[in-house]
């Protein structure tokens, strides 16, 4: 029996702002972008209260320019939850289940880091 990898499902839509644009002041540069949002569930609640939670956004290969760190994503689209990309990786490159993984931090609509307790 051969191994068949699970293909990723991109079950959410996102809006995206390129670096230099922010949701509070500008329309999105791209809408209806299929994504998957992964939030680390293994962090202790005490640690999560002290440190902004990093999340992964996963996108189909070829969705965006890979060198564009600093993009802001609203996921799910229309929900007013924003995440700023600070690292980009290719996952499972060369395999049927490859995807783009963005490491992101929560930000406000003005693009400021959101710490979960205050909103600048």
PDB file of N, CA and C in Angstrom:
ATOM      1  N   UNK A   1       0.851  -1.177   0.000  1.00  0.00           N
ATOM      2  CA  UNK A   1       0.000   0.000   0.000  1.00  0.00           C
ATOM      3  C   UNK A   1       0.897   1.241   0.000  1.00  0.00           C
ATOM      4  N   UNK A   2       0.655   2.163  -0.905  1.00  0.00           N
ATOM      5  CA  UNK A   2       1.478   3.375  -0.977  1.00  0.00           C
ATOM      6  C   UNK A   2       0.883   4.486  -0.109  1.00  0.00           C
ATOM      7  N   UNK A   3       1.769   5.373   0.309  1.00  0.00           N
ATOM      8  CA  UNK A   3       1.370   6.508   1.140  1.00  0.00           C
ATOM      9  C   UNK A   3       0.704   7.576   0.278  1.00  0.00           C
ATOM     10  N   UNK A   4      -0.455   8.051   0.692  1.00  0.00           N
ATOM     11  CA  UNK A   4      -1.155   9.139   0.004  1.00  0.00           C
ATOM     12  C   UNK A   4      -1.274  10.300   0.988  1.00  0.00           C
ATOM     13  N   UNK A   5      -0.575  11.422   0.728  1.00  0.00           N
ATOM     14  CA  UNK A   5      -0.627  12.527   1.676  1.00  0.00           C
ATOM     15  C   UNK A   5      -1.993  13.208   1.678  1.00  0.00           C
ATOM     16  N   UNK A   6      -2.359  13.733   2.836  1.00  0.00           N
ATOM     17  CA  UNK A   6      -3.576  14.544   2.910  1.00  0.00           C
ATOM     18  C   UNK A   6      -3.309  15.872   2.225  1.00  0.00           C
ATOM     19  N   UNK A   7      -4.155  16.228   1.295  1.00  0.00           N
ATOM     20  CA  UNK A   7      -3.998  17.514   0.631  1.00  0.00           C
ATOM     21  C   UNK A   7      -4.589  18.606   1.517  1.00  0.00           C
ATOM     22  N   UNK A   8      -3.901  19.738   1.632  1.00  0.00           N
ATOM     23  CA  UNK A   8      -4.424  20.797   2.495  1.00  0.00           C
ATOM     24  C   UNK A   8      -5.735  21.363   1.956  1.00  0.00           C
ATOM     25  N   UNK A   9      -6.622  21.722   2.875  1.00  0.00           N
ATOM     26  CA  UNK A   9      -7.879  22.376   2.512  1.00  0.00           C
ATOM     27  C   UNK A   9      -7.774  23.846   2.888  1.00  0.00           C
ATOM     28  N   UNK A  10      -8.063  24.711   1.955  1.00  0.00           N
ATOM     29  CA  UNK A  10      -8.017  26.152   2.186  1.00  0.00           C
ATOM     30  C   UNK A  10      -9.460  26.631   2.286  1.00  0.00           C
ATOM     31  N   UNK A  11     -10.016  26.509   3.503  1.00  0.00           N
ATOM     32  CA  UNK A  11     -11.453  26.651   3.715  1.00  0.00           C
ATOM     33  C   UNK A  11     -11.896  28.030   4.172  1.00  0.00           C
ATOM     34  N   UNK A  12     -10.986  29.003   4.242  1.00  0.00           N
ATOM     35  CA  UNK A  12     -11.340  30.380   4.596  1.00  0.00           C
ATOM     36  C   UNK A  12     -10.936  31.315   3.469  1.00  0.00           C
ATOM     37  N   UNK A  13     -11.569  32.476   3.429  1.00  0.00           N
ATOM     38  CA  UNK A  13     -11.162  33.522   2.490  1.00  0.00           C
ATOM     39  C   UNK A  13     -10.532  34.650   3.272  1.00  0.00           C
ATOM     40  N   UNK A  14      -9.547  35.305   2.661  1.00  0.00           N
ATOM     41  CA  UNK A  14      -8.833  36.404   3.309  1.00  0.00           C
ATOM     42  C   UNK A  14      -8.758  37.606   2.394  1.00  0.00           C
ATOM     43  N   UNK A  15      -8.592  38.768   3.018  1.00  0.00           N
ATOM     44  CA  UNK A  15      -8.225  39.995   2.302  1.00  0.00           C
ATOM     45  C   UNK A  15      -6.772  40.274   2.626  1.00  0.00           C
ATOM     46  N   UNK A  16      -6.049  40.931   1.713  1.00  0.00           N
ATOM     47  CA  UNK A  16      -4.628  41.185   1.910  1.00  0.00           C
ATOM     48  C   UNK A  16      -4.268  42.628   1.559  1.00  0.00           C
ATOM     49  N   UNK A  17      -3.437  43.231   2.406  1.00  0.00           N
ATOM     50  CA  UNK A  17      -2.886  44.556   2.169  1.00  0.00           C
ATOM     51  C   UNK A  17      -1.385  44.410   2.002  1.00  0.00           C
ATOM     52  N   UNK A  18      -0.836  44.978   0.939  1.00  0.00           N
ATOM     53  CA  UNK A  18       0.613  44.962   0.723  1.00  0.00           C
ATOM     54  C   UNK A  18       1.294  45.899   1.711  1.00  0.00           C
ATOM     55  N   UNK A  19       2.622  45.707   1.938  1.00  0.00           N
ATOM     56  CA  UNK A  19       3.338  46.614   2.834  1.00  0.00           C
ATOM     57  C   UNK A  19       3.143  48.071   2.409  1.00  0.00           C
ATOM     58  N   UNK A  20       2.922  48.944   3.395  1.00  0.00           N
ATOM     59  CA  UNK A  20       2.666  50.354   3.121  1.00  0.00           C
ATOM     60  C   UNK A  20       1.186  50.702   3.105  1.00  0.00           C
ATOM     61  N   UNK A  21       0.324  49.693   3.092  1.00  0.00           N
ATOM     62  CA  UNK A  21      -1.120  49.882   3.132  1.00  0.00           C
ATOM     63  C   UNK A  21      -1.648  49.258   4.425  1.00  0.00           C
ATOM     64  N   UNK A  22      -2.674  49.871   5.015  1.00  0.00           N
ATOM     65  CA  UNK A  22      -3.254  49.326   6.251  1.00  0.00           C
ATOM     66  C   UNK A  22      -4.771  49.302   6.143  1.00  0.00           C
ATOM     67  N   UNK A  23      -5.416  48.340   6.806  1.00  0.00           N
ATOM     68  CA  UNK A  23      -6.875  48.216   6.732  1.00  0.00           C
ATOM     69  C   UNK A  23      -7.624  49.456   7.209  1.00  0.00           C
ATOM     70  N   UNK A  24      -7.065  50.199   8.170  1.00  0.00           N
ATOM     71  CA  UNK A  24      -7.751  51.374   8.697  1.00  0.00           C
ATOM     72  C   UNK A  24      -7.851  52.499   7.673  1.00  0.00           C
ATOM     73  N   UNK A  25      -6.953  52.512   6.675  1.00  0.00           N
ATOM     74  CA  UNK A  25      -6.904  53.641   5.746  1.00  0.00           C
ATOM     75  C   UNK A  25      -7.058  53.270   4.275  1.00  0.00           C
ATOM     76  N   UNK A  26      -6.858  52.020   3.927  1.00  0.00           N
ATOM     77  CA  UNK A  26      -6.795  51.642   2.517  1.00  0.00           C
ATOM     78  C   UNK A  26      -7.685  50.431   2.219  1.00  0.00           C
ATOM     79  N   UNK A  27      -8.212  50.362   0.991  1.00  0.00           N
ATOM     80  CA  UNK A  27      -8.925  49.141   0.601  1.00  0.00           C
ATOM     81  C   UNK A  27      -7.905  48.010   0.421  1.00  0.00           C
ATOM     82  N   UNK A  28      -8.328  46.760   0.531  1.00  0.00           N
ATOM     83  CA  UNK A  28      -7.369  45.660   0.358  1.00  0.00           C
ATOM     84  C   UNK A  28      -6.815  45.612  -1.059  1.00  0.00           C
ATOM     85  N   UNK A  29      -5.564  45.154  -1.173  1.00  0.00           N
ATOM     86  CA  UNK A  29      -4.946  44.974  -2.479  1.00  0.00           C
ATOM     87  C   UNK A  29      -5.424  43.695  -3.154  1.00  0.00           C
ATOM     88  N   UNK A  30      -5.910  42.747  -2.335  1.00  0.00           N
ATOM     89  CA  UNK A  30      -6.388  41.468  -2.863  1.00  0.00           C
ATOM     90  C   UNK A  30      -7.484  40.948  -1.941  1.00  0.00           C
ATOM     91  N   UNK A  31      -8.540  40.395  -2.524  1.00  0.00           N
ATOM     92  CA  UNK A  31      -9.618  39.796  -1.732  1.00  0.00           C
ATOM     93  C   UNK A  31      -9.876  38.379  -2.226  1.00  0.00           C
ATOM     94  N   UNK A  32     -10.679  37.647  -1.458  1.00  0.00           N
ATOM     95  CA  UNK A  32     -11.074  36.277  -1.808  1.00  0.00           C
ATOM     96  C   UNK A  32      -9.881  35.343  -1.989  1.00  0.00           C
ATOM     97  N   UNK A  33      -8.852  35.552  -1.168  1.00  0.00           N
ATOM     98  CA  UNK A  33      -7.669  34.700  -1.192  1.00  0.00           C
ATOM     99  C   UNK A  33      -7.931  33.467  -0.326  1.00  0.00           C
ATOM    100  N   UNK A  34      -7.880  32.252  -0.890  1.00  0.00           N
ATOM    101  CA  UNK A  34      -8.138  31.053  -0.079  1.00  0.00           C
ATOM    102  C   UNK A  34      -6.984  30.789   0.886  1.00  0.00           C
ATOM    103  N   UNK A  35      -7.305  30.574   2.159  1.00  0.00           N
ATOM    104  CA  UNK A  35      -6.285  30.335   3.180  1.00  0.00           C
ATOM    105  C   UNK A  35      -6.765  29.287   4.174  1.00  0.00           C
ATOM    106  N   UNK A  36      -5.827  28.859   4.980  1.00  0.00           N
ATOM    107  CA  UNK A  36      -6.094  28.016   6.144  1.00  0.00           C
ATOM    108  C   UNK A  36      -5.416  28.718   7.315  1.00  0.00           C
ATOM    109  N   UNK A  37      -6.098  28.858   8.443  1.00  0.00           N
ATOM    110  CA  UNK A  37      -5.519  29.515   9.621  1.00  0.00           C
ATOM    111  C   UNK A  37      -5.250  28.467  10.683  1.00  0.00           C
ATOM    112  N   UNK A  38      -4.002  28.442  11.169  1.00  0.00           N
ATOM    113  CA  UNK A  38      -3.626  27.485  12.205  1.00  0.00           C
ATOM    114  C   UNK A  38      -3.149  28.260  13.425  1.00  0.00           C
ATOM    115  N   UNK A  39      -3.801  28.048  14.552  1.00  0.00           N
ATOM    116  CA  UNK A  39      -3.423  28.692  15.813  1.00  0.00           C
ATOM    117  C   UNK A  39      -2.835  27.621  16.715  1.00  0.00           C
ATOM    118  N   UNK A  40      -1.676  27.904  17.266  1.00  0.00           N
ATOM    119  CA  UNK A  40      -1.028  26.934  18.155  1.00  0.00           C
ATOM    120  C   UNK A  40      -1.886  26.713  19.388  1.00  0.00           C
ATOM    121  N   UNK A  41      -2.311  25.500  19.603  1.00  0.00           N
ATOM    122  CA  UNK A  41      -3.174  25.194  20.741  1.00  0.00           C
ATOM    123  C   UNK A  41      -2.393  24.619  21.914  1.00  0.00           C
ATOM    124  N   UNK A  42      -1.097  24.420  21.753  1.00  0.00           N
ATOM    125  CA  UNK A  42      -0.308  23.779  22.795  1.00  0.00           C
ATOM    126  C   UNK A  42       0.313  24.765  23.782  1.00  0.00           C
ATOM    127  N   UNK A  43       0.149  26.063  23.574  1.00  0.00           N
ATOM    128  CA  UNK A  43       0.685  27.043  24.518  1.00  0.00           C
ATOM    129  C   UNK A  43      -0.148  27.058  25.789  1.00  0.00           C
ATOM    130  N   UNK A  44       0.528  27.158  26.893  1.00  0.00           N
ATOM    131  CA  UNK A  44      -0.189  27.285  28.169  1.00  0.00           C
ATOM    132  C   UNK A  44      -0.928  28.617  28.178  1.00  0.00           C
ATOM    133  N   UNK A  45      -2.078  28.647  28.826  1.00  0.00           N
ATOM    134  CA  UNK A  45      -2.872  29.876  28.845  1.00  0.00           C
ATOM    135  C   UNK A  45      -2.110  31.022  29.487  1.00  0.00           C
ATOM    136  N   UNK A  46      -1.273  30.738  30.479  1.00  0.00           N
ATOM    137  CA  UNK A  46      -0.496  31.794  31.134  1.00  0.00           C
ATOM    138  C   UNK A  46       0.486  32.417  30.155  1.00  0.00           C
ATOM    139  N   UNK A  47       1.163  31.583  29.366  1.00  0.00           N
ATOM    140  CA  UNK A  47       2.135  32.097  28.397  1.00  0.00           C
ATOM    141  C   UNK A  47       1.420  32.883  27.302  1.00  0.00           C
ATOM    142  N   UNK A  48       0.267  32.404  26.847  1.00  0.00           N
ATOM    143  CA  UNK A  48      -0.474  33.089  25.793  1.00  0.00           C
ATOM    144  C   UNK A  48      -0.944  34.462  26.246  1.00  0.00           C
ATOM    145  N   UNK A  49      -1.178  34.633  27.541  1.00  0.00           N
ATOM    146  CA  UNK A  49      -1.615  35.931  28.056  1.00  0.00           C
ATOM    147  C   UNK A  49      -0.481  36.944  28.064  1.00  0.00           C
ATOM    148  N   UNK A  50       0.761  36.476  28.110  1.00  0.00           N
ATOM    149  CA  UNK A  50       1.909  37.374  28.197  1.00  0.00           C
ATOM    150  C   UNK A  50       2.524  37.702  26.841  1.00  0.00           C
ATOM    151  N   UNK A  51       2.381  36.806  25.882  1.00  0.00           N
ATOM    152  CA  UNK A  51       3.037  36.946  24.584  1.00  0.00           C
ATOM    153  C   UNK A  51       1.979  36.940  23.492  1.00  0.00           C
ATOM    154  N   UNK A  52       2.078  37.865  22.517  1.00  0.00           N
ATOM    155  CA  UNK A  52       1.123  37.810  21.405  1.00  0.00           C
ATOM    156  C   UNK A  52       1.195  36.453  20.706  1.00  0.00           C
ATOM    157  N   UNK A  53       0.069  35.892  20.427  1.00  0.00           N
ATOM    158  CA  UNK A  53      -0.009  34.564  19.826  1.00  0.00           C
ATOM    159  C   UNK A  53       0.384  34.633  18.354  1.00  0.00           C
ATOM    160  N   UNK A  54       1.387  33.853  17.968  1.00  0.00           N
ATOM    161  CA  UNK A  54       1.739  33.741  16.559  1.00  0.00           C
ATOM    162  C   UNK A  54       0.829  32.704  15.927  1.00  0.00           C
ATOM    163  N   UNK A  55       0.475  32.951  14.693  1.00  0.00           N
ATOM    164  CA  UNK A  55      -0.353  31.996  13.966  1.00  0.00           C
ATOM    165  C   UNK A  55       0.311  31.680  12.635  1.00  0.00           C
ATOM    166  N   UNK A  56      -0.135  30.611  12.039  1.00  0.00           N
ATOM    167  CA  UNK A  56       0.275  30.275  10.678  1.00  0.00           C
ATOM    168  C   UNK A  56      -0.904  30.518   9.757  1.00  0.00           C
ATOM    169  N   UNK A  57      -0.630  31.183   8.660  1.00  0.00           N
ATOM    170  CA  UNK A  57      -1.577  31.226   7.553  1.00  0.00           C
ATOM    171  C   UNK A  57      -0.980  30.361   6.464  1.00  0.00           C
ATOM    172  N   UNK A  58      -1.785  29.463   5.952  1.00  0.00           N
ATOM    173  CA  UNK A  58      -1.319  28.564   4.901  1.00  0.00           C
ATOM    174  C   UNK A  58      -2.081  28.877   3.630  1.00  0.00           C
ATOM    175  N   UNK A  59      -1.341  29.016   2.533  1.00  0.00           N
ATOM    176  CA  UNK A  59      -1.927  29.390   1.248  1.00  0.00           C
ATOM    177  C   UNK A  59      -1.514  28.396   0.175  1.00  0.00           C
ATOM    178  N   UNK A  60      -2.343  28.243  -0.856  1.00  0.00           N
ATOM    179  CA  UNK A  60      -1.953  27.376  -1.964  1.00  0.00           C
ATOM    180  C   UNK A  60      -0.680  27.896  -2.631  1.00  0.00           C
ATOM    181  N   UNK A  61       0.142  26.987  -3.100  1.00  0.00           N
ATOM    182  CA  UNK A  61       1.362  27.364  -3.816  1.00  0.00           C
ATOM    183  C   UNK A  61       1.010  28.282  -4.987  1.00  0.00           C
ATOM    184  N   UNK A  62       1.781  29.339  -5.162  1.00  0.00           N
ATOM    185  CA  UNK A  62       1.550  30.274  -6.258  1.00  0.00           C
ATOM    186  C   UNK A  62       0.562  31.371  -5.946  1.00  0.00           C
ATOM    187  N   UNK A  63       0.068  31.448  -4.717  1.00  0.00           N
ATOM    188  CA  UNK A  63      -0.945  32.446  -4.360  1.00  0.00           C
ATOM    189  C   UNK A  63      -0.403  33.864  -4.301  1.00  0.00           C
ATOM    190  N   UNK A  64       0.787  34.018  -3.722  1.00  0.00           N
ATOM    191  CA  UNK A  64       1.345  35.353  -3.515  1.00  0.00           C
ATOM    192  C   UNK A  64       2.828  35.344  -3.849  1.00  0.00           C
ATOM    193  N   UNK A  65       3.406  36.536  -3.912  1.00  0.00           N
ATOM    194  CA  UNK A  65       4.853  36.645  -4.121  1.00  0.00           C
ATOM    195  C   UNK A  65       5.544  36.252  -2.818  1.00  0.00           C
ATOM    196  N   UNK A  66       6.453  35.294  -2.883  1.00  0.00           N
ATOM    197  CA  UNK A  66       7.052  34.740  -1.681  1.00  0.00           C
ATOM    198  C   UNK A  66       7.959  35.698  -0.915  1.00  0.00           C
ATOM    199  N   UNK A  67       8.455  36.750  -1.529  1.00  0.00           N
ATOM    200  CA  UNK A  67       9.405  37.624  -0.849  1.00  0.00           C
ATOM    201  C   UNK A  67       8.732  38.819  -0.189  1.00  0.00           C
ATOM    202  N   UNK A  68       7.412  38.822  -0.112  1.00  0.00           N
ATOM    203  CA  UNK A  68       6.692  40.011   0.343  1.00  0.00           C
ATOM    204  C   UNK A  68       6.322  39.951   1.823  1.00  0.00           C
ATOM    205  N   UNK A  69       7.314  39.923   2.705  1.00  0.00           N
ATOM    206  CA  UNK A  69       7.066  39.963   4.146  1.00  0.00           C
ATOM    207  C   UNK A  69       6.503  41.341   4.493  1.00  0.00           C
ATOM    208  N   UNK A  70       5.590  41.394   5.451  1.00  0.00           N
ATOM    209  CA  UNK A  70       4.993  42.671   5.854  1.00  0.00           C
ATOM    210  C   UNK A  70       3.558  42.836   5.397  1.00  0.00           C
ATOM    211  N   UNK A  71       3.054  41.880   4.644  1.00  0.00           N
ATOM    212  CA  UNK A  71       1.658  41.945   4.225  1.00  0.00           C
ATOM    213  C   UNK A  71       0.759  41.772   5.441  1.00  0.00           C
ATOM    214  N   UNK A  72      -0.414  42.410   5.411  1.00  0.00           N
ATOM    215  CA  UNK A  72      -1.424  42.264   6.458  1.00  0.00           C
ATOM    216  C   UNK A  72      -2.601  41.501   5.860  1.00  0.00           C
ATOM    217  N   UNK A  73      -3.076  40.505   6.605  1.00  0.00           N
ATOM    218  CA  UNK A  73      -4.188  39.666   6.169  1.00  0.00           C
ATOM    219  C   UNK A  73      -5.336  39.805   7.147  1.00  0.00           C
ATOM    220  N   UNK A  74      -6.545  39.842   6.619  1.00  0.00           N
ATOM    221  CA  UNK A  74      -7.756  39.781   7.429  1.00  0.00           C
ATOM    222  C   UNK A  74      -8.351  38.385   7.223  1.00  0.00           C
ATOM    223  N   UNK A  75      -8.369  37.611   8.315  1.00  0.00           N
ATOM    224  CA  UNK A  75      -8.833  36.224   8.241  1.00  0.00           C
ATOM    225  C   UNK A  75      -9.735  35.943   9.429  1.00  0.00           C
ATOM    226  N   UNK A  76     -10.958  35.469   9.182  1.00  0.00           N
ATOM    227  CA  UNK A  76     -11.632  35.381   7.894  1.00  0.00           C
ATOM    228  C   UNK A  76     -11.957  36.774   7.335  1.00  0.00           C
ATOM    229  N   UNK A  77     -12.096  36.826   6.055  1.00  0.00           N
ATOM    230  CA  UNK A  77     -12.402  38.077   5.364  1.00  0.00           C
ATOM    231  C   UNK A  77     -13.666  38.708   5.938  1.00  0.00           C
ATOM    232  N   UNK A  78     -13.605  40.004   6.252  1.00  0.00           N
ATOM    233  CA  UNK A  78     -14.756  40.720   6.794  1.00  0.00           C
ATOM    234  C   UNK A  78     -14.911  40.614   8.296  1.00  0.00           C
ATOM    235  N   UNK A  79     -13.985  39.930   8.976  1.00  0.00           N
ATOM    236  CA  UNK A  79     -14.103  39.669  10.411  1.00  0.00           C
ATOM    237  C   UNK A  79     -13.339  40.675  11.278  1.00  0.00           C
ATOM    238  N   UNK A  80     -12.583  41.567  10.684  1.00  0.00           N
ATOM    239  CA  UNK A  80     -11.794  42.584  11.393  1.00  0.00           C
ATOM    240  C   UNK A  80     -10.755  41.974  12.338  1.00  0.00           C
ATOM    241  N   UNK A  81     -10.211  40.824  11.992  1.00  0.00           N
ATOM    242  CA  UNK A  81      -9.066  40.232  12.689  1.00  0.00           C
ATOM    243  C   UNK A  81      -7.897  40.261  11.720  1.00  0.00           C
ATOM    244  N   UNK A  82      -6.832  40.951  12.123  1.00  0.00           N
ATOM    245  CA  UNK A  82      -5.725  41.215  11.206  1.00  0.00           C
ATOM    246  C   UNK A  82      -4.443  40.555  11.697  1.00  0.00           C
ATOM    247  N   UNK A  83      -3.630  40.095  10.742  1.00  0.00           N
ATOM    248  CA  UNK A  83      -2.383  39.403  11.036  1.00  0.00           C
ATOM    249  C   UNK A  83      -1.316  39.891  10.064  1.00  0.00           C
ATOM    250  N   UNK A  84      -0.145  40.213  10.606  1.00  0.00           N
ATOM    251  CA  UNK A  84       0.960  40.709   9.778  1.00  0.00           C
ATOM    252  C   UNK A  84       2.013  39.623   9.628  1.00  0.00           C
ATOM    253  N   UNK A  85       2.403  39.373   8.394  1.00  0.00           N
ATOM    254  CA  UNK A  85       3.372  38.330   8.066  1.00  0.00           C
ATOM    255  C   UNK A  85       4.785  38.790   8.387  1.00  0.00           C
ATOM    256  N   UNK A  86       5.547  37.933   9.110  1.00  0.00           N
ATOM    257  CA  UNK A  86       6.944  38.268   9.373  1.00  0.00           C
ATOM    258  C   UNK A  86       7.919  37.202   8.862  1.00  0.00           C
ATOM    259  N   UNK A  87       7.434  36.051   8.427  1.00  0.00           N
ATOM    260  CA  UNK A  87       8.281  35.030   7.804  1.00  0.00           C
ATOM    261  C   UNK A  87       7.457  34.216   6.821  1.00  0.00           C
ATOM    262  N   UNK A  88       8.110  33.751   5.758  1.00  0.00           N
ATOM    263  CA  UNK A  88       7.437  32.951   4.735  1.00  0.00           C
ATOM    264  C   UNK A  88       8.265  31.699   4.469  1.00  0.00           C
ATOM    265  N   UNK A  89       7.597  30.563   4.419  1.00  0.00           N
ATOM    266  CA  UNK A  89       8.263  29.285   4.156  1.00  0.00           C
ATOM    267  C   UNK A  89       7.452  28.493   3.138  1.00  0.00           C
ATOM    268  N   UNK A  90       8.143  27.654   2.356  1.00  0.00           N
ATOM    269  CA  UNK A  90       7.474  26.649   1.526  1.00  0.00           C
ATOM    270  C   UNK A  90       7.447  25.363   2.343  1.00  0.00           C
ATOM    271  N   UNK A  91       6.294  24.751   2.473  1.00  0.00           N
ATOM    272  CA  UNK A  91       6.152  23.499   3.207  1.00  0.00           C
ATOM    273  C   UNK A  91       5.910  22.359   2.223  1.00  0.00           C
ATOM    274  N   UNK A  92       6.551  21.244   2.453  1.00  0.00           N
ATOM    275  CA  UNK A  92       6.388  20.025   1.653  1.00  0.00           C
ATOM    276  C   UNK A  92       6.665  20.290   0.169  1.00  0.00           C
ATOM    277  N   UNK A  93       7.650  21.142  -0.107  1.00  0.00           N
ATOM    278  CA  UNK A  93       7.956  21.526  -1.484  1.00  0.00           C
ATOM    279  C   UNK A  93       8.294  20.289  -2.335  1.00  0.00           C
ATOM    280  N   UNK A  94       7.680  20.232  -3.500  1.00  0.00           N
ATOM    281  CA  UNK A  94       7.902  19.125  -4.411  1.00  0.00           C
ATOM    282  C   UNK A  94       6.956  17.954  -4.223  1.00  0.00           C
ATOM    283  N   UNK A  95       6.086  18.045  -3.220  1.00  0.00           N
ATOM    284  CA  UNK A  95       5.127  16.980  -2.955  1.00  0.00           C
ATOM    285  C   UNK A  95       3.717  17.487  -3.286  1.00  0.00           C
ATOM    286  N   UNK A  96       2.755  16.581  -3.462  1.00  0.00           N
ATOM    287  CA  UNK A  96       1.399  17.010  -3.820  1.00  0.00           C
ATOM    288  C   UNK A  96       0.737  17.893  -2.758  1.00  0.00           C
ATOM    289  N   UNK A  97       1.185  17.784  -1.513  1.00  0.00           N
ATOM    290  CA  UNK A  97       0.562  18.559  -0.434  1.00  0.00           C
ATOM    291  C   UNK A  97       1.348  19.819  -0.076  1.00  0.00           C
ATOM    292  N   UNK A  98       2.145  20.354  -1.010  1.00  0.00           N
ATOM    293  CA  UNK A  98       2.925  21.557  -0.696  1.00  0.00           C
ATOM    294  C   UNK A  98       2.017  22.778  -0.568  1.00  0.00           C
ATOM    295  N   UNK A  99       2.465  23.726   0.254  1.00  0.00           N
ATOM    296  CA  UNK A  99       1.737  24.973   0.458  1.00  0.00           C
ATOM    297  C   UNK A  99       2.703  26.038   0.961  1.00  0.00           C
ATOM    298  N   UNK A 100       2.264  27.284   0.946  1.00  0.00           N
ATOM    299  CA  UNK A 100       3.034  28.400   1.480  1.00  0.00           C
ATOM    300  C   UNK A 100       2.602  28.604   2.921  1.00  0.00           C
ATOM    301  N   UNK A 101       3.556  28.715   3.838  1.00  0.00           N
ATOM    302  CA  UNK A 101       3.238  28.963   5.233  1.00  0.00           C
ATOM    303  C   UNK A 101       3.760  30.343   5.619  1.00  0.00           C
ATOM    304  N   UNK A 102       2.862  31.171   6.133  1.00  0.00           N
ATOM    305  CA  UNK A 102       3.220  32.498   6.618  1.00  0.00           C
ATOM    306  C   UNK A 102       3.166  32.501   8.139  1.00  0.00           C
ATOM    307  N   UNK A 103       4.226  32.917   8.784  1.00  0.00           N
ATOM    308  CA  UNK A 103       4.207  33.122  10.231  1.00  0.00           C
ATOM    309  C   UNK A 103       3.738  34.555  10.446  1.00  0.00           C
ATOM    310  N   UNK A 104       2.718  34.731  11.284  1.00  0.00           N
ATOM    311  CA  UNK A 104       2.086  36.035  11.443  1.00  0.00           C
ATOM    312  C   UNK A 104       1.863  36.366  12.914  1.00  0.00           C
ATOM    313  N   UNK A 105       1.747  37.662  13.178  1.00  0.00           N
ATOM    314  CA  UNK A 105       1.381  38.165  14.504  1.00  0.00           C
ATOM    315  C   UNK A 105       0.101  38.972  14.374  1.00  0.00           C
ATOM    316  N   UNK A 106      -0.746  38.954  15.402  1.00  0.00           N
ATOM    317  CA  UNK A 106      -1.961  39.775  15.349  1.00  0.00           C
ATOM    318  C   UNK A 106      -1.609  41.254  15.391  1.00  0.00           C
ATOM    319  N   UNK A 107      -2.308  42.041  14.585  1.00  0.00           N
ATOM    320  CA  UNK A 107      -2.123  43.499  14.557  1.00  0.00           C
ATOM    321  C   UNK A 107      -3.488  44.172  14.545  1.00  0.00           C
ATOM    322  N   UNK A 108      -3.476  45.462  14.841  1.00  0.00           N
ATOM    323  CA  UNK A 108      -4.705  46.259  14.757  1.00  0.00           C
ATOM    324  C   UNK A 108      -4.948  46.668  13.311  1.00  0.00           C
ATOM    325  N   UNK A 109      -6.069  47.303  13.049  1.00  0.00           N
ATOM    326  CA  UNK A 109      -6.386  47.782  11.701  1.00  0.00           C
ATOM    327  C   UNK A 109      -5.394  48.840  11.230  1.00  0.00           C
ATOM    328  N   UNK A 110      -4.694  49.474  12.167  1.00  0.00           N
ATOM    329  CA  UNK A 110      -3.669  50.459  11.808  1.00  0.00           C
ATOM    330  C   UNK A 110      -2.310  49.804  11.608  1.00  0.00           C
ATOM    331  N   UNK A 111      -2.218  48.488  11.798  1.00  0.00           N
ATOM    332  CA  UNK A 111      -0.977  47.772  11.572  1.00  0.00           C
ATOM    333  C   UNK A 111      -0.080  47.660  12.794  1.00  0.00           C
ATOM    334  N   UNK A 112      -0.562  48.099  13.973  1.00  0.00           N
ATOM    335  CA  UNK A 112       0.232  48.011  15.199  1.00  0.00           C
ATOM    336  C   UNK A 112       0.084  46.629  15.814  1.00  0.00           C
ATOM    337  N   UNK A 113       1.159  46.150  16.440  1.00  0.00           N
ATOM    338  CA  UNK A 113       1.107  44.865  17.119  1.00  0.00           C
ATOM    339  C   UNK A 113       0.014  44.887  18.170  1.00  0.00           C
ATOM    340  N   UNK A 114      -0.818  43.864  18.171  1.00  0.00           N
ATOM    341  CA  UNK A 114      -1.936  43.766  19.103  1.00  0.00           C
ATOM    342  C   UNK A 114      -1.565  42.776  20.181  1.00  0.00           C
ATOM    343  N   UNK A 115      -1.569  43.221  21.447  1.00  0.00           N
ATOM    344  CA  UNK A 115      -1.137  42.323  22.520  1.00  0.00           C
ATOM    345  C   UNK A 115      -2.290  41.643  23.242  1.00  0.00           C
ATOM    346  N   UNK A 116      -3.508  41.813  22.754  1.00  0.00           N
ATOM    347  CA  UNK A 116      -4.645  41.137  23.337  1.00  0.00           C
ATOM    348  C   UNK A 116      -5.287  41.874  24.493  1.00  0.00           C
ATOM    349  N   UNK A 117      -4.632  42.916  24.998  1.00  0.00           N
ATOM    350  CA  UNK A 117      -5.178  43.639  26.149  1.00  0.00           C
ATOM    351  C   UNK A 117      -5.488  45.098  25.819  1.00  0.00           C
ATOM    352  N   UNK A 118      -4.715  45.665  24.922  1.00  0.00           N
ATOM    353  CA  UNK A 118      -4.953  47.073  24.566  1.00  0.00           C
ATOM    354  C   UNK A 118      -5.018  47.187  23.061  1.00  0.00           C
ATOM    355  N   UNK A 119      -5.608  48.244  22.593  1.00  0.00           N
ATOM    356  CA  UNK A 119      -5.734  48.468  21.166  1.00  0.00           C
ATOM    357  C   UNK A 119      -5.300  49.906  20.883  1.00  0.00           C
ATOM    358  N   UNK A 120      -4.040  50.086  20.402  1.00  0.00           N
ATOM    359  CA  UNK A 120      -3.537  51.459  20.194  1.00  0.00           C
ATOM    360  C   UNK A 120      -4.360  52.267  19.229  1.00  0.00           C
TER     361      UNK A 120
END
